[in-house]
Amino acid sequence: MSEVTSRRVVLQPSTTEIIFAWFQRVVAGYCLLFGILYWIRLIGFYPGPLWRFDLMPVHWQIAAVMLAVFFPFAAAGLWMLASWGPVIWFICAATEIVMYAGFPNLFGHRLLIIASHAAVALLYIVFRVIIWLQKRQARR
């Protein structure tokens, strides 16, 4: 074996990076589901009162249109493991947190959505810190 081939570095993702990739793809699935649910509300298949676009209050029209576009966009970015995927997801999560925690009199109380976004954000931070620590240790 020559000296060049013995120094070759094999770039394999760690187990944590593989799990993180699948975590992002699971979140992408949920984003796609949320996007489809917003589209269902916009086009009028939702069986609730005021859940057709022309019957919605203006604050719901703005939020629903934005989230109906951004959630599928975030899903695509997360599925492809693109760097912009988590950024778009964060915009969607922050929007829903502001909607349901900041303006509950307009949008209602959805504590489960707030908690799920917080849990996903916490898991994302934990994964990124663990991967950073592993790469720092590997450099030493």
C-alpha atoms as a PDB file:
ATOM      1  CA  MET A   1       0.000   0.000   0.000  1.00  0.00           C
ATOM      2  CA  SER A   2       1.459   3.373  -0.926  1.00  0.00           C
ATOM      3  CA  GLU A   3       1.791   6.310   1.418  1.00  0.00           C
ATOM      4  CA  VAL A   4      -0.891   8.291  -0.445  1.00  0.00           C
ATOM      5  CA  THR A   5      -3.553   5.628  -0.042  1.00  0.00           C
ATOM      6  CA  SER A   6      -2.748   5.096   3.614  1.00  0.00           C
ATOM      7  CA  ARG A   7      -3.389   8.795   4.352  1.00  0.00           C
ATOM      8  CA  ARG A   8      -6.716   8.864   2.516  1.00  0.00           C
ATOM      9  CA  VAL A   9      -9.548   9.994   4.754  1.00  0.00           C
ATOM     10  CA  VAL A  10     -12.847   8.192   4.396  1.00  0.00           C
ATOM     11  CA  LEU A  11     -15.781  10.553   4.853  1.00  0.00           C
ATOM     12  CA  GLN A  12     -18.542   8.553   6.482  1.00  0.00           C
ATOM     13  CA  PRO A  13     -21.384  10.168   8.414  1.00  0.00           C
ATOM     14  CA  SER A  14     -21.535   9.294  12.077  1.00  0.00           C
ATOM     15  CA  THR A  15     -24.490   7.474  13.583  1.00  0.00           C
ATOM     16  CA  THR A  16     -25.651  10.751  15.115  1.00  0.00           C
ATOM     17  CA  GLU A  17     -25.569  12.442  11.700  1.00  0.00           C
ATOM     18  CA  ILE A  18     -27.606   9.615  10.175  1.00  0.00           C
ATOM     19  CA  ILE A  19     -30.191   9.828  12.970  1.00  0.00           C
ATOM     20  CA  PHE A  20     -30.247  13.624  12.576  1.00  0.00           C
ATOM     21  CA  ALA A  21     -30.920  13.257   8.844  1.00  0.00           C
ATOM     22  CA  TRP A  22     -33.868  10.959   9.556  1.00  0.00           C
ATOM     23  CA  PHE A  23     -35.088  13.341  12.274  1.00  0.00           C
ATOM     24  CA  GLN A  24     -35.145  16.120   9.677  1.00  0.00           C
ATOM     25  CA  ARG A  25     -37.052  13.888   7.268  1.00  0.00           C
ATOM     26  CA  VAL A  26     -39.665  13.062   9.917  1.00  0.00           C
ATOM     27  CA  VAL A  27     -40.090  16.777  10.601  1.00  0.00           C
ATOM     28  CA  ALA A  28     -40.365  17.274   6.812  1.00  0.00           C
ATOM     29  CA  GLY A  29     -43.263  14.814   6.771  1.00  0.00           C
ATOM     30  CA  TYR A  30     -45.037  16.763   9.487  1.00  0.00           C
ATOM     31  CA  CYS A  31     -44.383  20.038   7.656  1.00  0.00           C
ATOM     32  CA  LEU A  32     -45.900  18.604   4.504  1.00  0.00           C
ATOM     33  CA  LEU A  33     -48.919  17.424   6.488  1.00  0.00           C
ATOM     34  CA  PHE A  34     -49.360  20.866   8.087  1.00  0.00           C
ATOM     35  CA  GLY A  35     -49.023  22.502   4.669  1.00  0.00           C
ATOM     36  CA  ILE A  36     -51.691  20.226   3.206  1.00  0.00           C
ATOM     37  CA  LEU A  37     -53.980  20.954   6.158  1.00  0.00           C
ATOM     38  CA  TYR A  38     -53.626  24.694   5.586  1.00  0.00           C
ATOM     39  CA  TRP A  39     -54.374  24.210   1.889  1.00  0.00           C
ATOM     40  CA  ILE A  40     -57.455  22.145   2.763  1.00  0.00           C
ATOM     41  CA  ARG A  41     -58.680  25.024   4.909  1.00  0.00           C
ATOM     42  CA  LEU A  42     -57.967  27.565   2.188  1.00  0.00           C
ATOM     43  CA  ILE A  43     -59.868  25.762  -0.540  1.00  0.00           C
ATOM     44  CA  GLY A  44     -62.867  25.015   1.653  1.00  0.00           C
ATOM     45  CA  PHE A  45     -62.775  21.266   2.337  1.00  0.00           C
ATOM     46  CA  TYR A  46     -62.473  21.876   6.069  1.00  0.00           C
ATOM     47  CA  PRO A  47     -65.874  21.291   7.738  1.00  0.00           C
ATOM     48  CA  GLY A  48     -65.653  24.186  10.211  1.00  0.00           C
ATOM     49  CA  PRO A  49     -67.261  27.600  10.199  1.00  0.00           C
ATOM     50  CA  LEU A  50     -65.239  30.398   8.573  1.00  0.00           C
ATOM     51  CA  TRP A  51     -62.690  27.948   7.136  1.00  0.00           C
ATOM     52  CA  ARG A  52     -63.054  28.909   3.554  1.00  0.00           C
ATOM     53  CA  PHE A  53     -60.723  31.652   2.352  1.00  0.00           C
ATOM     54  CA  ASP A  54     -63.442  34.125   1.419  1.00  0.00           C
ATOM     55  CA  LEU A  55     -65.142  33.643   4.802  1.00  0.00           C
ATOM     56  CA  MET A  56     -61.990  33.868   6.953  1.00  0.00           C
ATOM     57  CA  PRO A  57     -61.165  36.966   8.949  1.00  0.00           C
ATOM     58  CA  VAL A  58     -58.240  38.927   7.506  1.00  0.00           C
ATOM     59  CA  HIS A  59     -55.794  37.814  10.225  1.00  0.00           C
ATOM     60  CA  TRP A  60     -56.521  34.163   9.395  1.00  0.00           C
ATOM     61  CA  GLN A  61     -56.259  34.817   5.652  1.00  0.00           C
ATOM     62  CA  ILE A  62     -52.754  36.256   6.056  1.00  0.00           C
ATOM     63  CA  ALA A  63     -51.539  33.500   8.395  1.00  0.00           C
ATOM     64  CA  ALA A  64     -53.115  30.627   6.451  1.00  0.00           C
ATOM     65  CA  VAL A  65     -51.766  31.745   3.080  1.00  0.00           C
ATOM     66  CA  MET A  66     -48.263  32.263   4.439  1.00  0.00           C
ATOM     67  CA  LEU A  67     -48.180  28.916   6.235  1.00  0.00           C
ATOM     68  CA  ALA A  68     -49.787  27.045   3.310  1.00  0.00           C
ATOM     69  CA  VAL A  69     -46.849  28.155   1.157  1.00  0.00           C
ATOM     70  CA  PHE A  70     -44.028  27.994   3.711  1.00  0.00           C
ATOM     71  CA  PHE A  71     -44.749  24.597   5.309  1.00  0.00           C
ATOM     72  CA  PRO A  72     -44.377  22.594   2.047  1.00  0.00           C
ATOM     73  CA  PHE A  73     -41.313  24.701   1.185  1.00  0.00           C
ATOM     74  CA  ALA A  74     -39.804  23.851   4.597  1.00  0.00           C
ATOM     75  CA  ALA A  75     -40.684  20.187   4.036  1.00  0.00           C
ATOM     76  CA  ALA A  76     -38.761  20.154   0.754  1.00  0.00           C
ATOM     77  CA  GLY A  77     -35.719  21.780   2.347  1.00  0.00           C
ATOM     78  CA  LEU A  78     -35.733  19.470   5.349  1.00  0.00           C
ATOM     79  CA  TRP A  79     -36.184  16.374   3.189  1.00  0.00           C
ATOM     80  CA  MET A  80     -33.251  17.332   0.969  1.00  0.00           C
ATOM     81  CA  LEU A  81     -31.186  18.157   4.084  1.00  0.00           C
ATOM     82  CA  ALA A  82     -30.616  21.635   2.640  1.00  0.00           C
ATOM     83  CA  SER A  83     -29.252  24.308   4.945  1.00  0.00           C
ATOM     84  CA  TRP A  84     -32.274  26.545   4.318  1.00  0.00           C
ATOM     85  CA  GLY A  85     -34.818  23.878   5.337  1.00  0.00           C
ATOM     86  CA  PRO A  86     -34.505  24.416   9.104  1.00  0.00           C
ATOM     87  CA  VAL A  87     -34.568  28.189   8.564  1.00  0.00           C
ATOM     88  CA  ILE A  88     -37.915  28.028   6.751  1.00  0.00           C
ATOM     89  CA  TRP A  89     -39.218  25.587   9.393  1.00  0.00           C
ATOM     90  CA  PHE A  90     -38.175  28.089  12.087  1.00  0.00           C
ATOM     91  CA  ILE A  91     -40.146  30.840  10.326  1.00  0.00           C
ATOM     92  CA  CYS A  92     -43.229  28.577  10.259  1.00  0.00           C
ATOM     93  CA  ALA A  93     -42.788  27.532  13.893  1.00  0.00           C
ATOM     94  CA  ALA A  94     -42.218  31.099  15.072  1.00  0.00           C
ATOM     95  CA  THR A  95     -45.306  32.232  13.160  1.00  0.00           C
ATOM     96  CA  GLU A  96     -47.506  29.574  14.748  1.00  0.00           C
ATOM     97  CA  ILE A  97     -46.064  30.227  18.205  1.00  0.00           C
ATOM     98  CA  VAL A  98     -46.797  33.945  17.843  1.00  0.00           C
ATOM     99  CA  MET A  99     -50.280  33.117  16.534  1.00  0.00           C
ATOM    100  CA  TYR A 100     -51.281  30.748  19.303  1.00  0.00           C
ATOM    101  CA  ALA A 101     -49.271  32.122  22.242  1.00  0.00           C
ATOM    102  CA  GLY A 102     -49.256  35.809  21.365  1.00  0.00           C
ATOM    103  CA  PHE A 103     -52.761  36.225  19.990  1.00  0.00           C
ATOM    104  CA  PRO A 104     -54.931  33.483  21.506  1.00  0.00           C
ATOM    105  CA  ASN A 105     -58.011  35.713  21.322  1.00  0.00           C
ATOM    106  CA  LEU A 106     -57.661  35.807  17.504  1.00  0.00           C
ATOM    107  CA  PHE A 107     -56.301  32.348  16.692  1.00  0.00           C
ATOM    108  CA  GLY A 108     -57.344  30.237  19.675  1.00  0.00           C
ATOM    109  CA  HIS A 109     -55.336  28.221  22.170  1.00  0.00           C
ATOM    110  CA  ARG A 110     -53.209  25.480  20.621  1.00  0.00           C
ATOM    111  CA  LEU A 111     -50.814  24.486  23.389  1.00  0.00           C
ATOM    112  CA  LEU A 112     -49.970  21.184  21.687  1.00  0.00           C
ATOM    113  CA  ILE A 113     -48.673  22.961  18.567  1.00  0.00           C
ATOM    114  CA  ILE A 114     -46.551  25.319  20.682  1.00  0.00           C
ATOM    115  CA  ALA A 115     -45.139  22.400  22.675  1.00  0.00           C
ATOM    116  CA  SER A 116     -44.405  20.351  19.547  1.00  0.00           C
ATOM    117  CA  HIS A 117     -42.522  23.226  17.908  1.00  0.00           C
ATOM    118  CA  ALA A 118     -40.549  23.777  21.110  1.00  0.00           C
ATOM    119  CA  ALA A 119     -39.708  20.060  21.326  1.00  0.00           C
ATOM    120  CA  VAL A 120     -38.535  19.930  17.701  1.00  0.00           C
ATOM    121  CA  ALA A 121     -36.400  23.045  18.213  1.00  0.00           C
ATOM    122  CA  LEU A 122     -34.862  21.576  21.366  1.00  0.00           C
ATOM    123  CA  LEU A 123     -34.095  18.270  19.642  1.00  0.00           C
ATOM    124  CA  TYR A 124     -32.581  20.132  16.696  1.00  0.00           C
ATOM    125  CA  ILE A 125     -30.285  22.096  19.040  1.00  0.00           C
ATOM    126  CA  VAL A 126     -29.283  18.922  20.899  1.00  0.00           C
ATOM    127  CA  PHE A 127     -28.415  17.165  17.632  1.00  0.00           C
ATOM    128  CA  ARG A 128     -26.371  20.115  16.373  1.00  0.00           C
ATOM    129  CA  VAL A 129     -24.434  20.389  19.658  1.00  0.00           C
ATOM    130  CA  ILE A 130     -23.688  16.648  19.733  1.00  0.00           C
ATOM    131  CA  ILE A 131     -22.515  16.678  16.104  1.00  0.00           C
ATOM    132  CA  TRP A 132     -20.351  19.746  16.778  1.00  0.00           C
ATOM    133  CA  LEU A 133     -18.776  18.073  19.830  1.00  0.00           C
ATOM    134  CA  GLN A 134     -18.097  14.891  17.842  1.00  0.00           C
ATOM    135  CA  LYS A 135     -16.427  16.821  15.027  1.00  0.00           C
ATOM    136  CA  ARG A 136     -14.355  18.852  17.495  1.00  0.00           C
ATOM    137  CA  GLN A 137     -13.191  15.655  19.182  1.00  0.00           C
ATOM    138  CA  ALA A 138     -12.356  14.065  15.820  1.00  0.00           C
ATOM    139  CA  ARG A 139     -10.183  17.054  14.857  1.00  0.00           C
ATOM    140  CA  ARG A 140      -8.024  16.544  17.953  1.00  0.00           C
END
